[in-house]
Amino acid sequence: MTREVVSWDSPGPLQGPVGVPLVDLLDRVLATGVVVSGDLVIAIADVPLVRVSLHALLSSVSERVPAPWADGGPL
């Protein structure tokens, strides 16, 4: 059984698996932004020893939008 990959922007009705190029997927994600959040707990014998929390926002940057800082940024 072979399957043909159908382009996501084809004009007709879609039949079969839809293929989205990685560049288009990254463009969509960065245009709208995505939040990555997670927790990592290292425990021995059900006793938590280390907890690491991760919260990150991934988004694109536009030169047309000015920085909210007067000097261009905190760095």
PDB file of N, CA and C in Angstrom:
ATOM      1  N   MET A   1       0.841  -1.175   0.000  1.00  0.00           N
ATOM      2  CA  MET A   1       0.000   0.000   0.000  1.00  0.00           C
ATOM      3  C   MET A   1       0.893   1.247   0.000  1.00  0.00           C
ATOM      4  N   THR A   2       0.806   2.059  -1.041  1.00  0.00           N
ATOM      5  CA  THR A   2       1.596   3.287  -1.119  1.00  0.00           C
ATOM      6  C   THR A   2       0.686   4.479  -0.930  1.00  0.00           C
ATOM      7  N   ARG A   3       1.237   5.500  -0.326  1.00  0.00           N
ATOM      8  CA  ARG A   3       0.478   6.735  -0.098  1.00  0.00           C
ATOM      9  C   ARG A   3       1.189   7.882  -0.763  1.00  0.00           C
ATOM     10  N   GLU A   4       0.416   8.759  -1.389  1.00  0.00           N
ATOM     11  CA  GLU A   4       0.971   9.966  -1.969  1.00  0.00           C
ATOM     12  C   GLU A   4       0.786  11.105  -0.989  1.00  0.00           C
ATOM     13  N   VAL A   5       1.821  11.911  -0.819  1.00  0.00           N
ATOM     14  CA  VAL A   5       1.726  13.080   0.054  1.00  0.00           C
ATOM     15  C   VAL A   5       1.059  14.195  -0.727  1.00  0.00           C
ATOM     16  N   VAL A   6       0.033  14.790  -0.130  1.00  0.00           N
ATOM     17  CA  VAL A   6      -0.724  15.868  -0.759  1.00  0.00           C
ATOM     18  C   VAL A   6      -0.247  17.191  -0.189  1.00  0.00           C
ATOM     19  N   SER A   7       0.019  18.154  -1.050  1.00  0.00           N
ATOM     20  CA  SER A   7       0.447  19.473  -0.601  1.00  0.00           C
ATOM     21  C   SER A   7      -0.661  20.133   0.204  1.00  0.00           C
ATOM     22  N   TRP A   8      -0.301  20.847   1.270  1.00  0.00           N
ATOM     23  CA  TRP A   8      -1.297  21.456   2.153  1.00  0.00           C
ATOM     24  C   TRP A   8      -2.019  22.621   1.490  1.00  0.00           C
ATOM     25  N   ASP A   9      -1.465  23.206   0.441  1.00  0.00           N
ATOM     26  CA  ASP A   9      -2.122  24.334  -0.217  1.00  0.00           C
ATOM     27  C   ASP A   9      -2.696  23.963  -1.584  1.00  0.00           C
ATOM     28  N   SER A  10      -3.036  22.701  -1.788  1.00  0.00           N
ATOM     29  CA  SER A  10      -3.619  22.288  -3.066  1.00  0.00           C
ATOM     30  C   SER A  10      -5.035  22.850  -3.192  1.00  0.00           C
ATOM     31  N   PRO A  11      -5.466  23.198  -4.406  1.00  0.00           N
ATOM     32  CA  PRO A  11      -6.779  23.841  -4.579  1.00  0.00           C
ATOM     33  C   PRO A  11      -7.955  22.885  -4.395  1.00  0.00           C
ATOM     34  N   GLY A  12      -7.776  21.614  -4.621  1.00  0.00           N
ATOM     35  CA  GLY A  12      -8.882  20.660  -4.545  1.00  0.00           C
ATOM     36  C   GLY A  12      -9.064  20.089  -3.145  1.00  0.00           C
ATOM     37  N   PRO A  13     -10.059  19.218  -2.996  1.00  0.00           N
ATOM     38  CA  PRO A  13     -10.257  18.578  -1.692  1.00  0.00           C
ATOM     39  C   PRO A  13      -9.091  17.643  -1.373  1.00  0.00           C
ATOM     40  N   LEU A  14      -8.744  17.579  -0.088  1.00  0.00           N
ATOM     41  CA  LEU A  14      -7.604  16.777   0.335  1.00  0.00           C
ATOM     42  C   LEU A  14      -8.009  15.330   0.532  1.00  0.00           C
ATOM     43  N   GLN A  15      -7.195  14.443   0.002  1.00  0.00           N
ATOM     44  CA  GLN A  15      -7.391  13.016   0.198  1.00  0.00           C
ATOM     45  C   GLN A  15      -6.022  12.418   0.463  1.00  0.00           C
ATOM     46  N   GLY A  16      -5.868  11.738   1.565  1.00  0.00           N
ATOM     47  CA  GLY A  16      -4.579  11.150   1.913  1.00  0.00           C
ATOM     48  C   GLY A  16      -3.847  12.028   2.903  1.00  0.00           C
ATOM     49  N   PRO A  17      -2.620  11.650   3.251  1.00  0.00           N
ATOM     50  CA  PRO A  17      -1.843  12.420   4.233  1.00  0.00           C
ATOM     51  C   PRO A  17      -1.433  13.773   3.664  1.00  0.00           C
ATOM     52  N   VAL A  18      -1.399  14.770   4.523  1.00  0.00           N
ATOM     53  CA  VAL A  18      -1.035  16.121   4.114  1.00  0.00           C
ATOM     54  C   VAL A  18       0.405  16.366   4.535  1.00  0.00           C
ATOM     55  N   GLY A  19       1.229  16.822   3.615  1.00  0.00           N
ATOM     56  CA  GLY A  19       2.623  17.124   3.913  1.00  0.00           C
ATOM     57  C   GLY A  19       2.813  18.623   4.088  1.00  0.00           C
ATOM     58  N   VAL A  20       3.386  19.021   5.228  1.00  0.00           N
ATOM     59  CA  VAL A  20       3.689  20.425   5.493  1.00  0.00           C
ATOM     60  C   VAL A  20       5.195  20.547   5.611  1.00  0.00           C
ATOM     61  N   PRO A  21       5.813  21.383   4.770  1.00  0.00           N
ATOM     62  CA  PRO A  21       7.265  21.551   4.870  1.00  0.00           C
ATOM     63  C   PRO A  21       7.651  22.138   6.227  1.00  0.00           C
ATOM     64  N   LEU A  22       8.815  21.759   6.726  1.00  0.00           N
ATOM     65  CA  LEU A  22       9.283  22.218   8.022  1.00  0.00           C
ATOM     66  C   LEU A  22       9.419  23.733   8.069  1.00  0.00           C
ATOM     67  N   VAL A  23       9.828  24.344   6.974  1.00  0.00           N
ATOM     68  CA  VAL A  23       9.975  25.804   6.934  1.00  0.00           C
ATOM     69  C   VAL A  23       8.624  26.475   7.129  1.00  0.00           C
ATOM     70  N   ASP A  24       7.570  25.974   6.488  1.00  0.00           N
ATOM     71  CA  ASP A  24       6.244  26.546   6.659  1.00  0.00           C
ATOM     72  C   ASP A  24       5.733  26.351   8.074  1.00  0.00           C
ATOM     73  N   LEU A  25       6.012  25.202   8.659  1.00  0.00           N
ATOM     74  CA  LEU A  25       5.593  24.945  10.033  1.00  0.00           C
ATOM     75  C   LEU A  25       6.284  25.903  11.002  1.00  0.00           C
ATOM     76  N   LEU A  26       7.602  26.095  10.841  1.00  0.00           N
ATOM     77  CA  LEU A  26       8.328  27.039  11.692  1.00  0.00           C
ATOM     78  C   LEU A  26       7.844  28.466  11.491  1.00  0.00           C
ATOM     79  N   ASP A  27       7.527  28.842  10.255  1.00  0.00           N
ATOM     80  CA  ASP A  27       7.020  30.175   9.980  1.00  0.00           C
ATOM     81  C   ASP A  27       5.691  30.408  10.702  1.00  0.00           C
ATOM     82  N   ARG A  28       4.805  29.431  10.678  1.00  0.00           N
ATOM     83  CA  ARG A  28       3.517  29.564  11.360  1.00  0.00           C
ATOM     84  C   ARG A  28       3.692  29.651  12.872  1.00  0.00           C
ATOM     85  N   VAL A  29       4.580  28.814  13.422  1.00  0.00           N
ATOM     86  CA  VAL A  29       4.791  28.810  14.872  1.00  0.00           C
ATOM     87  C   VAL A  29       5.411  30.117  15.336  1.00  0.00           C
ATOM     88  N   LEU A  30       6.432  30.603  14.622  1.00  0.00           N
ATOM     89  CA  LEU A  30       7.101  31.826  15.032  1.00  0.00           C
ATOM     90  C   LEU A  30       6.255  33.065  14.783  1.00  0.00           C
ATOM     91  N   ALA A  31       5.364  33.031  13.796  1.00  0.00           N
ATOM     92  CA  ALA A  31       4.499  34.178  13.529  1.00  0.00           C
ATOM     93  C   ALA A  31       3.493  34.379  14.651  1.00  0.00           C
ATOM     94  N   THR A  32       3.006  33.288  15.218  1.00  0.00           N
ATOM     95  CA  THR A  32       2.015  33.400  16.291  1.00  0.00           C
ATOM     96  C   THR A  32       2.645  33.270  17.664  1.00  0.00           C
ATOM     97  N   GLY A  33       3.783  32.609  17.770  1.00  0.00           N
ATOM     98  CA  GLY A  33       4.438  32.403  19.055  1.00  0.00           C
ATOM     99  C   GLY A  33       3.989  31.098  19.686  1.00  0.00           C
ATOM    100  N   VAL A  34       4.845  30.544  20.508  1.00  0.00           N
ATOM    101  CA  VAL A  34       4.529  29.303  21.204  1.00  0.00           C
ATOM    102  C   VAL A  34       5.198  29.361  22.570  1.00  0.00           C
ATOM    103  N   VAL A  35       4.530  28.809  23.570  1.00  0.00           N
ATOM    104  CA  VAL A  35       5.066  28.752  24.915  1.00  0.00           C
ATOM    105  C   VAL A  35       5.452  27.314  25.226  1.00  0.00           C
ATOM    106  N   VAL A  36       6.687  27.122  25.681  1.00  0.00           N
ATOM    107  CA  VAL A  36       7.178  25.810  26.085  1.00  0.00           C
ATOM    108  C   VAL A  36       7.309  25.836  27.596  1.00  0.00           C
ATOM    109  N   SER A  37       6.689  24.879  28.248  1.00  0.00           N
ATOM    110  CA  SER A  37       6.706  24.829  29.703  1.00  0.00           C
ATOM    111  C   SER A  37       6.906  23.397  30.153  1.00  0.00           C
ATOM    112  N   GLY A  38       7.730  23.211  31.175  1.00  0.00           N
ATOM    113  CA  GLY A  38       7.959  21.861  31.658  1.00  0.00           C
ATOM    114  C   GLY A  38       8.627  21.852  33.020  1.00  0.00           C
ATOM    115  N   ASP A  39       8.529  20.732  33.693  1.00  0.00           N
ATOM    116  CA  ASP A  39       9.145  20.528  35.002  1.00  0.00           C
ATOM    117  C   ASP A  39       9.943  19.238  34.971  1.00  0.00           C
ATOM    118  N   LEU A  40      11.091  19.257  35.611  1.00  0.00           N
ATOM    119  CA  LEU A  40      11.926  18.077  35.746  1.00  0.00           C
ATOM    120  C   LEU A  40      12.231  17.900  37.225  1.00  0.00           C
ATOM    121  N   VAL A  41      11.893  16.736  37.757  1.00  0.00           N
ATOM    122  CA  VAL A  41      12.137  16.445  39.161  1.00  0.00           C
ATOM    123  C   VAL A  41      13.022  15.203  39.247  1.00  0.00           C
ATOM    124  N   ILE A  42      14.149  15.343  39.941  1.00  0.00           N
ATOM    125  CA  ILE A  42      15.038  14.215  40.177  1.00  0.00           C
ATOM    126  C   ILE A  42      14.792  13.748  41.601  1.00  0.00           C
ATOM    127  N   ALA A  43      14.396  12.489  41.734  1.00  0.00           N
ATOM    128  CA  ALA A  43      14.061  11.950  43.055  1.00  0.00           C
ATOM    129  C   ALA A  43      14.705  10.586  43.242  1.00  0.00           C
ATOM    130  N   ILE A  44      15.028  10.283  44.489  1.00  0.00           N
ATOM    131  CA  ILE A  44      15.535   8.963  44.863  1.00  0.00           C
ATOM    132  C   ILE A  44      14.624   8.435  45.967  1.00  0.00           C
ATOM    133  N   ALA A  45      14.073   7.259  45.753  1.00  0.00           N
ATOM    134  CA  ALA A  45      13.160   6.614  46.713  1.00  0.00           C
ATOM    135  C   ALA A  45      11.981   7.523  47.043  1.00  0.00           C
ATOM    136  N   ASP A  46      11.403   8.120  45.999  1.00  0.00           N
ATOM    137  CA  ASP A  46      10.249   9.017  46.131  1.00  0.00           C
ATOM    138  C   ASP A  46      10.519  10.244  46.982  1.00  0.00           C
ATOM    139  N   VAL A  47      11.792  10.627  47.118  1.00  0.00           N
ATOM    140  CA  VAL A  47      12.157  11.864  47.817  1.00  0.00           C
ATOM    141  C   VAL A  47      12.715  12.818  46.769  1.00  0.00           C
ATOM    142  N   PRO A  48      11.980  13.900  46.474  1.00  0.00           N
ATOM    143  CA  PRO A  48      12.468  14.842  45.456  1.00  0.00           C
ATOM    144  C   PRO A  48      13.731  15.565  45.931  1.00  0.00           C
ATOM    145  N   LEU A  49      14.773  15.527  45.101  1.00  0.00           N
ATOM    146  CA  LEU A  49      16.032  16.174  45.454  1.00  0.00           C
ATOM    147  C   LEU A  49      16.250  17.464  44.678  1.00  0.00           C
ATOM    148  N   VAL A  50      15.945  17.446  43.385  1.00  0.00           N
ATOM    149  CA  VAL A  50      16.171  18.607  42.526  1.00  0.00           C
ATOM    150  C   VAL A  50      14.940  18.821  41.680  1.00  0.00           C
ATOM    151  N   ARG A  51      14.504  20.083  41.569  1.00  0.00           N
ATOM    152  CA  ARG A  51      13.390  20.431  40.692  1.00  0.00           C
ATOM    153  C   ARG A  51      13.830  21.563  39.782  1.00  0.00           C
ATOM    154  N   VAL A  52      13.631  21.374  38.487  1.00  0.00           N
ATOM    155  CA  VAL A  52      13.968  22.384  37.485  1.00  0.00           C
ATOM    156  C   VAL A  52      12.693  22.695  36.718  1.00  0.00           C
ATOM    157  N   SER A  53      12.346  23.983  36.663  1.00  0.00           N
ATOM    158  CA  SER A  53      11.172  24.423  35.905  1.00  0.00           C
ATOM    159  C   SER A  53      11.632  25.210  34.690  1.00  0.00           C
ATOM    160  N   LEU A  54      10.997  24.956  33.563  1.00  0.00           N
ATOM    161  CA  LEU A  54      11.336  25.641  32.319  1.00  0.00           C
ATOM    162  C   LEU A  54      10.081  26.311  31.779  1.00  0.00           C
ATOM    163  N   HIS A  55      10.197  27.595  31.505  1.00  0.00           N
ATOM    164  CA  HIS A  55       9.124  28.349  30.868  1.00  0.00           C
ATOM    165  C   HIS A  55       9.787  29.228  29.808  1.00  0.00           C
ATOM    166  N   ALA A  56       9.458  29.010  28.555  1.00  0.00           N
ATOM    167  CA  ALA A  56      10.088  29.757  27.469  1.00  0.00           C
ATOM    168  C   ALA A  56       9.031  30.193  26.460  1.00  0.00           C
ATOM    169  N   LEU A  57       9.218  31.363  25.896  1.00  0.00           N
ATOM    170  CA  LEU A  57       8.359  31.886  24.843  1.00  0.00           C
ATOM    171  C   LEU A  57       9.189  31.996  23.581  1.00  0.00           C
ATOM    172  N   LEU A  58       8.736  31.331  22.520  1.00  0.00           N
ATOM    173  CA  LEU A  58       9.404  31.395  21.222  1.00  0.00           C
ATOM    174  C   LEU A  58       8.541  32.221  20.287  1.00  0.00           C
ATOM    175  N   SER A  59       9.128  33.258  19.724  1.00  0.00           N
ATOM    176  CA  SER A  59       8.386  34.118  18.819  1.00  0.00           C
ATOM    177  C   SER A  59       9.374  34.811  17.890  1.00  0.00           C
ATOM    178  N   SER A  60       8.881  35.321  16.796  1.00  0.00           N
ATOM    179  CA  SER A  60       9.746  36.038  15.868  1.00  0.00           C
ATOM    180  C   SER A  60       9.886  37.496  16.307  1.00  0.00           C
ATOM    181  N   VAL A  61      10.918  38.141  15.797  1.00  0.00           N
ATOM    182  CA  VAL A  61      11.191  39.533  16.123  1.00  0.00           C
ATOM    183  C   VAL A  61      11.104  40.338  14.833  1.00  0.00           C
ATOM    184  N   SER A  62      10.429  41.464  14.921  1.00  0.00           N
ATOM    185  CA  SER A  62      10.283  42.326  13.756  1.00  0.00           C
ATOM    186  C   SER A  62      10.997  43.650  14.011  1.00  0.00           C
ATOM    187  N   GLU A  63      11.734  44.123  13.019  1.00  0.00           N
ATOM    188  CA  GLU A  63      12.419  45.408  13.152  1.00  0.00           C
ATOM    189  C   GLU A  63      11.440  46.570  13.140  1.00  0.00           C
ATOM    190  N   ARG A  64      10.251  46.350  12.614  1.00  0.00           N
ATOM    191  CA  ARG A  64       9.257  47.415  12.539  1.00  0.00           C
ATOM    192  C   ARG A  64       8.603  47.707  13.885  1.00  0.00           C
ATOM    193  N   VAL A  65       8.698  46.773  14.826  1.00  0.00           N
ATOM    194  CA  VAL A  65       8.115  46.982  16.151  1.00  0.00           C
ATOM    195  C   VAL A  65       9.223  47.494  17.057  1.00  0.00           C
ATOM    196  N   PRO A  66       9.071  48.704  17.620  1.00  0.00           N
ATOM    197  CA  PRO A  66      10.145  49.245  18.456  1.00  0.00           C
ATOM    198  C   PRO A  66      10.240  48.512  19.792  1.00  0.00           C
ATOM    199  N   ALA A  67      11.454  48.520  20.357  1.00  0.00           N
ATOM    200  CA  ALA A  67      11.681  47.915  21.664  1.00  0.00           C
ATOM    201  C   ALA A  67      11.011  48.757  22.741  1.00  0.00           C
ATOM    202  N   PRO A  68      10.498  48.116  23.792  1.00  0.00           N
ATOM    203  CA  PRO A  68       9.860  48.903  24.866  1.00  0.00           C
ATOM    204  C   PRO A  68      10.863  49.634  25.751  1.00  0.00           C
ATOM    205  N   TRP A  69      12.167  49.369  25.585  1.00  0.00           N
ATOM    206  CA  TRP A  69      13.177  50.033  26.385  1.00  0.00           C
ATOM    207  C   TRP A  69      13.741  51.228  25.622  1.00  0.00           C
ATOM    208  N   ALA A  70      14.080  52.284  26.334  1.00  0.00           N
ATOM    209  CA  ALA A  70      14.579  53.520  25.688  1.00  0.00           C
ATOM    210  C   ALA A  70      15.941  53.308  25.047  1.00  0.00           C
ATOM    211  N   ASP A  71      16.801  52.480  25.645  1.00  0.00           N
ATOM    212  CA  ASP A  71      18.155  52.287  25.106  1.00  0.00           C
ATOM    213  C   ASP A  71      18.268  51.098  24.157  1.00  0.00           C
ATOM    214  N   GLY A  72      17.147  50.472  23.810  1.00  0.00           N
ATOM    215  CA  GLY A  72      17.155  49.378  22.861  1.00  0.00           C
ATOM    216  C   GLY A  72      17.140  48.003  23.476  1.00  0.00           C
ATOM    217  N   GLY A  73      17.290  47.890  24.776  1.00  0.00           N
ATOM    218  CA  GLY A  73      17.216  46.574  25.405  1.00  0.00           C
ATOM    219  C   GLY A  73      17.992  46.483  26.697  1.00  0.00           C
ATOM    220  N   PRO A  74      17.699  45.443  27.475  1.00  0.00           N
ATOM    221  CA  PRO A  74      18.372  45.315  28.759  1.00  0.00           C
ATOM    222  C   PRO A  74      19.788  44.752  28.657  1.00  0.00           C
ATOM    223  N   LEU A  75      20.201  44.246  27.502  1.00  0.00           N
ATOM    224  CA  LEU A  75      21.538  43.644  27.387  1.00  0.00           C
ATOM    225  C   LEU A  75      22.549  44.609  26.870  1.00  0.00           C
TER     226      LEU A  75
END
